[in-house]
Amino acid sequence: MATTTSLSAGPATRRRRVSTITWRVLTYLALVLIMGPAAWLLIGVLARAAPHWKWSVLWTKLTPTGGGLRDQILGTLILMLGVFIIAGTIGVLAGIHLAELARPHKRSGKASGGFLRTASDVLSGFPSIVLGYVGYTALVVGLHWHFSLLAALIILSIMVIPYIAKTTENSLRQVPTGYREGAEALGMSMGYGLRKVVLKSALPGIVTGLLLALAIACGETAPLIYTAGFSYTLPHSLTNAQFPYLTYVVFQYYNAPETQYHYLAYDAALLLVVIVLILLVSSRIIVARTQRHSEGARGTGRKRRWRRQPLDLTDLPR
């Protein structure tokens, strides 16, 4: 006898389809809300800078009456290089300590890096202008460095170190445990296995954190006003000399009454956007080239594919 069953799954299936479509529409809406302001900002900067753009702004000095942005561009790149060296070294080492060396205590079971992690999170929440004022009080006035490159580098590095440490820690924690166990089984020491196995797998995330920190340092203004001041040309010392950078040109010259200052502000904004885009493209290229070390990355990089050769029966013994 044939049994009849009611199609009770129909409404549930319909609800699942509606919920799937709704979530998909919401994700597309979130993507538009993210890309919309970025596109609006990029188009606005291009529309204002392109009509009056002159290539001579790249190699001409800035003067009180106009000129170019050669020293300001070099100053911004020097700041980024200094932050990469100082904050990159300290942040990556801090992230390695929190992920690999801060192991749980035997009695309490709590990680020994809890205080360091909390301090890093608190430091990342400080406003940049507060850090700039602290740098002005402690370095510019307290140590008598005056407005200088060294004071600006220290404050910018302190500001971005928590981001680098956090991304480094998260990247190292995402490395499969089997990688570490395999390194130990092969007789590698902890340091050697960390350098040769673990860090290679976590390199894409670490590089992303470093480039994010450079982008933050590239676009900061308030800490630099308190620590670096501003000058038209590059100084010849790390202390007791003001320093040039691009964000001050955008901040100060945008509201100036002279038209040539407006053009310089637009040019500086365009150069900052180009620098950030170069950082983003570089991060994608580096991640793509280093992704072959991560688990599950197949078909990337130069890999040797070994094909199974057919068995030749004539070579078998009879």
Protein backbone atom coordinates (compact mmCIF):
# COMPACT_ATOMS: atom_id res chain seq x y z
CA MET A 1 0.00 0.00 0.00
CA ALA A 2 1.35 3.41 -0.92
CA THR A 3 1.78 5.77 1.95
CA THR A 4 1.16 9.49 1.56
CA THR A 5 3.33 12.01 3.27
CA SER A 6 2.59 15.68 3.77
CA LEU A 7 5.02 18.18 2.25
CA SER A 8 5.64 19.95 5.52
CA ALA A 9 9.15 20.98 4.45
CA GLY A 10 7.81 23.47 1.92
CA PRO A 11 7.37 26.48 4.25
CA ALA A 12 10.70 25.78 5.95
CA THR A 13 12.45 25.67 2.57
CA ARG A 14 10.76 28.91 1.58
CA ARG A 15 11.89 30.57 4.79
CA ARG A 16 15.46 29.41 4.22
CA ARG A 17 15.42 30.86 0.72
CA VAL A 18 14.08 34.18 1.98
CA SER A 19 16.67 34.33 4.76
CA THR A 20 19.48 33.44 2.33
CA ILE A 21 18.43 36.15 -0.12
CA THR A 22 18.04 38.66 2.70
CA TRP A 23 21.51 37.98 4.08
CA ARG A 24 23.00 38.16 0.60
CA VAL A 25 21.35 41.54 -0.01
CA LEU A 26 22.63 42.78 3.35
CA THR A 27 26.18 41.68 2.53
CA TYR A 28 26.02 43.50 -0.81
CA LEU A 29 24.66 46.57 0.97
CA ALA A 30 27.54 46.43 3.47
CA LEU A 31 30.00 46.15 0.57
CA VAL A 32 28.47 49.23 -1.06
CA LEU A 33 28.64 51.14 2.23
CA ILE A 34 32.34 50.31 2.46
CA MET A 35 33.27 50.96 -1.16
CA GLY A 36 31.05 54.03 -1.57
CA PRO A 37 32.93 56.41 0.77
CA ALA A 38 36.28 55.11 -0.49
CA ALA A 39 35.29 55.73 -4.12
CA TRP A 40 33.82 59.13 -3.23
CA LEU A 41 37.04 60.13 -1.46
CA LEU A 42 39.25 58.91 -4.30
CA ILE A 43 37.16 60.58 -7.01
CA GLY A 44 37.00 63.83 -5.01
CA VAL A 45 40.77 63.98 -4.57
CA LEU A 46 41.39 63.18 -8.25
CA ALA A 47 38.82 65.74 -9.42
CA ARG A 48 40.48 68.51 -7.42
CA ALA A 49 44.11 67.62 -8.03
CA ALA A 50 44.15 66.44 -11.65
CA PRO A 51 43.17 69.74 -13.41
CA HIS A 52 46.10 71.62 -11.84
CA TRP A 53 48.60 68.79 -11.49
CA LYS A 54 52.21 69.50 -12.43
CA TRP A 55 54.93 66.87 -12.39
CA SER A 56 57.41 69.47 -11.17
CA VAL A 57 55.78 69.25 -7.73
CA LEU A 58 57.74 66.02 -7.23
CA TRP A 59 61.20 67.60 -7.46
CA THR A 60 60.62 71.27 -6.57
CA LYS A 61 61.19 72.67 -3.09
CA LEU A 62 58.39 74.24 -1.10
CA THR A 63 58.71 77.97 -0.47
CA PRO A 64 56.55 80.50 1.40
CA THR A 65 55.13 81.59 -1.96
CA GLY A 66 54.47 78.15 -3.48
CA GLY A 67 56.79 75.69 -5.18
CA GLY A 68 56.66 71.92 -4.93
CA LEU A 69 56.59 69.14 -2.34
CA ARG A 70 59.92 67.37 -2.81
CA ASP A 71 61.12 67.56 0.78
CA GLN A 72 57.64 66.85 2.16
CA ILE A 73 57.44 63.64 0.12
CA LEU A 74 60.89 62.56 1.25
CA GLY A 75 60.02 63.45 4.84
CA THR A 76 56.89 61.28 4.74
CA LEU A 77 58.87 58.36 3.30
CA ILE A 78 61.55 58.79 5.99
CA LEU A 79 58.87 58.72 8.67
CA MET A 80 57.42 55.54 7.22
CA LEU A 81 60.85 53.92 7.05
CA GLY A 82 61.62 54.84 10.66
CA VAL A 83 58.27 53.50 11.86
CA PHE A 84 58.86 50.31 9.89
CA ILE A 85 62.21 49.77 11.61
CA ILE A 86 61.28 50.78 15.17
CA ALA A 87 57.64 49.74 15.45
CA GLY A 88 58.04 46.75 13.14
CA THR A 89 60.86 45.26 15.20
CA ILE A 90 59.21 45.83 18.59
CA GLY A 91 55.70 44.90 17.43
CA VAL A 92 56.70 41.66 15.72
CA LEU A 93 58.83 40.57 18.68
CA ALA A 94 55.98 41.41 21.08
CA GLY A 95 53.55 39.40 18.98
CA ILE A 96 55.95 36.43 18.91
CA HIS A 97 56.28 36.62 22.70
CA LEU A 98 52.52 36.71 23.24
CA ALA A 99 51.84 33.85 20.81
CA GLU A 100 54.77 31.51 21.42
CA LEU A 101 56.48 32.30 24.73
CA ALA A 102 53.66 33.49 27.02
CA ARG A 103 52.51 29.99 27.96
CA PRO A 104 49.89 29.26 30.66
CA HIS A 105 51.06 28.80 34.24
CA LYS A 106 51.00 25.28 35.61
CA ARG A 107 48.95 26.17 38.69
CA SER A 108 46.53 28.84 37.59
CA GLY A 109 46.33 27.88 33.91
CA LYS A 110 46.30 31.55 32.90
CA ALA A 111 48.63 32.89 30.22
CA SER A 112 51.55 34.92 31.48
CA GLY A 113 51.06 37.52 28.75
CA GLY A 114 47.65 38.68 29.98
CA PHE A 115 48.98 41.91 31.46
CA LEU A 116 51.01 42.69 28.33
CA ARG A 117 48.02 42.00 26.12
CA THR A 118 45.79 44.22 28.22
CA ALA A 119 48.36 47.01 28.21
CA SER A 120 48.64 46.75 24.42
CA ASP A 121 44.86 46.97 24.02
CA VAL A 122 44.70 50.00 26.30
CA LEU A 123 47.51 51.70 24.39
CA SER A 124 45.75 51.14 21.07
CA GLY A 125 42.69 52.97 22.42
CA PHE A 126 44.48 56.23 23.19
CA PRO A 127 43.64 59.09 20.78
CA SER A 128 46.54 60.11 18.60
CA ILE A 129 46.38 63.71 19.73
CA VAL A 130 46.81 62.58 23.37
CA LEU A 131 49.94 60.64 22.40
CA GLY A 132 51.16 63.71 20.56
CA TYR A 133 50.70 65.88 23.63
CA VAL A 134 52.52 63.30 25.78
CA GLY A 135 55.37 63.32 23.26
CA TYR A 136 55.45 67.12 23.35
CA THR A 137 55.61 67.16 27.15
CA ALA A 138 58.10 64.30 27.60
CA LEU A 139 60.34 64.55 24.55
CA VAL A 140 60.09 68.02 23.04
CA VAL A 141 60.04 69.91 26.36
CA GLY A 142 61.19 67.36 28.95
CA LEU A 143 64.27 66.04 27.14
CA HIS A 144 64.88 69.34 25.31
CA TRP A 145 64.78 67.67 21.89
CA HIS A 146 62.49 70.42 20.58
CA PHE A 147 60.49 69.65 17.45
CA SER A 148 62.43 66.86 15.77
CA LEU A 149 62.33 63.70 13.69
CA LEU A 150 63.31 61.43 16.58
CA ALA A 151 60.43 62.58 18.78
CA ALA A 152 57.97 62.07 15.93
CA LEU A 153 59.29 58.57 15.20
CA ILE A 154 59.00 57.48 18.82
CA ILE A 155 55.42 58.70 19.18
CA LEU A 156 54.30 57.25 15.84
CA SER A 157 55.94 53.93 16.72
CA ILE A 158 54.23 53.83 20.12
CA MET A 159 50.92 54.50 18.39
CA VAL A 160 51.14 51.62 15.86
CA ILE A 161 53.02 48.98 17.89
CA PRO A 162 49.77 47.52 19.36
CA TYR A 163 48.37 46.93 15.86
CA ILE A 164 51.51 45.13 14.71
CA ALA A 165 51.69 43.04 17.88
CA LYS A 166 48.02 42.04 17.61
CA THR A 167 48.18 41.03 13.96
CA THR A 168 51.43 39.13 14.56
CA GLU A 169 49.94 37.26 17.51
CA ASN A 170 46.77 36.36 15.61
CA SER A 171 48.75 35.24 12.55
CA LEU A 172 50.99 32.98 14.65
CA ARG A 173 48.03 31.49 16.50
CA GLN A 174 46.38 30.58 13.20
CA VAL A 175 49.34 28.42 12.19
CA PRO A 176 48.30 24.75 12.61
CA THR A 177 49.74 22.97 15.62
CA GLY A 178 50.90 20.18 13.35
CA TYR A 179 53.55 22.48 11.90
CA ARG A 180 55.13 22.95 15.32
CA GLU A 181 54.82 19.27 16.19
CA GLY A 182 56.38 18.29 12.88
CA ALA A 183 59.30 20.65 13.46
CA GLU A 184 59.86 19.18 16.92
CA ALA A 185 59.63 15.64 15.55
CA LEU A 186 62.36 16.47 13.03
CA GLY A 187 64.63 17.57 15.88
CA MET A 188 64.42 21.32 15.25
CA SER A 189 64.95 23.65 18.16
CA MET A 190 62.15 26.03 19.10
CA GLY A 191 63.88 29.07 17.59
CA TYR A 192 64.86 27.29 14.38
CA GLY A 193 61.38 25.84 13.89
CA LEU A 194 59.86 29.24 14.57
CA ARG A 195 62.04 30.90 11.92
CA LYS A 196 61.83 28.22 9.26
CA VAL A 197 58.30 26.86 9.66
CA VAL A 198 55.95 28.94 11.79
CA LEU A 199 56.94 32.45 10.67
CA LYS A 200 56.78 31.46 7.00
CA SER A 201 53.17 30.35 7.44
CA ALA A 202 52.26 33.48 9.39
CA LEU A 203 54.13 35.87 7.09
CA PRO A 204 51.07 37.09 5.09
CA GLY A 205 49.27 38.27 8.24
CA ILE A 206 52.42 39.84 9.68
CA VAL A 207 53.10 41.74 6.47
CA THR A 208 49.50 42.94 6.37
CA GLY A 209 49.84 44.31 9.91
CA LEU A 210 53.09 46.07 9.09
CA LEU A 211 51.67 47.75 6.00
CA LEU A 212 48.55 48.75 7.93
CA ALA A 213 50.79 50.40 10.51
CA LEU A 214 52.68 52.24 7.76
CA ALA A 215 49.41 53.49 6.27
CA ILE A 216 48.33 54.78 9.70
CA ALA A 217 51.67 56.51 10.23
CA CYS A 218 51.49 57.99 6.73
CA GLY A 219 48.15 59.67 7.38
CA GLU A 220 48.66 61.03 10.91
CA THR A 221 48.77 64.76 11.56
CA ALA A 222 48.08 65.54 15.22
CA PRO A 223 51.05 63.65 16.74
CA LEU A 224 53.39 65.19 14.18
CA ILE A 225 52.23 68.73 14.87
CA TYR A 226 53.13 68.26 18.56
CA THR A 227 56.44 66.47 17.97
CA ALA A 228 57.83 67.27 14.51
CA GLY A 229 56.52 70.77 13.92
CA PHE A 230 56.96 71.64 10.25
CA SER A 231 59.69 72.94 7.99
CA TYR A 232 60.10 73.62 4.29
CA THR A 233 63.29 71.57 3.91
CA LEU A 234 64.80 68.40 5.37
CA PRO A 235 66.93 68.88 8.50
CA HIS A 236 70.44 67.53 9.08
CA SER A 237 69.93 66.17 12.62
CA LEU A 238 67.53 63.90 14.49
CA THR A 239 66.82 66.45 17.22
CA ASN A 240 66.48 70.22 17.55
CA ALA A 241 65.19 70.61 14.00
CA GLN A 242 61.64 70.66 12.63
CA PHE A 243 60.67 68.14 9.98
CA PRO A 244 58.58 68.29 6.75
CA TYR A 245 55.68 65.92 5.91
CA LEU A 246 52.68 65.88 3.59
CA THR A 247 49.75 65.78 5.99
CA TYR A 248 50.63 69.21 7.39
CA VAL A 249 50.33 70.66 3.88
CA VAL A 250 46.82 69.24 3.54
CA PHE A 251 45.85 70.39 7.04
CA GLN A 252 47.27 73.91 6.87
CA TYR A 253 47.07 74.93 3.22
CA TYR A 254 43.52 73.75 2.50
CA ASN A 255 42.00 76.78 4.28
CA ALA A 256 44.64 79.26 3.15
CA PRO A 257 43.36 82.28 1.21
CA GLU A 258 45.92 81.92 -1.60
CA THR A 259 44.96 79.76 -4.59
CA GLN A 260 48.42 78.25 -5.06
CA TYR A 261 48.24 76.87 -1.51
CA HIS A 262 44.96 75.14 -2.37
CA TYR A 263 46.66 73.44 -5.32
CA LEU A 264 49.49 72.26 -3.06
CA ALA A 265 46.97 70.85 -0.57
CA TYR A 266 45.22 68.92 -3.36
CA ASP A 267 48.55 67.64 -4.67
CA ALA A 268 49.60 66.51 -1.20
CA ALA A 269 46.29 64.71 -0.70
CA LEU A 270 46.70 62.93 -4.04
CA LEU A 271 50.22 61.87 -3.17
CA LEU A 272 49.05 60.46 0.16
CA VAL A 273 46.32 58.48 -1.60
CA VAL A 274 48.86 57.12 -4.08
CA ILE A 275 51.21 56.08 -1.26
CA VAL A 276 48.38 54.24 0.53
CA LEU A 277 47.34 52.51 -2.70
CA ILE A 278 50.95 51.44 -3.30
CA LEU A 279 51.01 49.96 0.21
CA LEU A 280 47.78 48.06 -0.43
CA VAL A 281 48.95 46.68 -3.76
CA SER A 282 52.30 45.74 -2.25
CA SER A 283 50.57 43.89 0.58
CA ARG A 284 48.48 41.89 -1.89
CA ILE A 285 51.55 41.00 -3.95
CA ILE A 286 53.56 39.95 -0.89
CA VAL A 287 50.65 37.92 0.50
CA ALA A 288 50.16 36.19 -2.85
CA ARG A 289 53.85 35.29 -3.07
CA THR A 290 54.04 34.03 0.51
CA GLN A 291 50.66 32.28 0.55
CA ARG A 292 52.24 29.08 -0.75
CA HIS A 293 53.64 28.45 2.75
CA SER A 294 50.19 28.34 4.30
CA GLU A 295 48.13 25.21 4.67
CA GLY A 296 45.71 24.56 1.86
CA ALA A 297 47.44 26.82 -0.67
CA ARG A 298 47.58 24.73 -3.79
CA GLY A 299 48.59 25.73 -7.23
CA THR A 300 50.38 28.90 -6.10
CA GLY A 301 54.04 29.59 -6.59
CA ARG A 302 56.43 27.33 -8.39
CA LYS A 303 55.67 23.78 -7.36
CA ARG A 304 56.97 20.58 -8.79
CA ARG A 305 54.26 18.17 -9.77
CA TRP A 306 55.35 14.58 -9.75
CA ARG A 307 53.38 12.33 -12.05
CA ARG A 308 53.06 8.65 -11.45
CA GLN A 309 54.84 6.79 -14.19
CA PRO A 310 53.14 3.75 -15.68
CA LEU A 311 54.47 0.38 -14.59
CA ASP A 312 56.56 -1.36 -17.19
CA LEU A 313 55.76 -5.08 -16.96
CA THR A 314 58.74 -6.08 -19.07
CA ASP A 315 61.11 -5.13 -16.24
CA LEU A 316 59.52 -7.52 -13.75
CA PRO A 317 61.45 -10.71 -12.97
CA ARG A 318 60.05 -13.94 -14.40
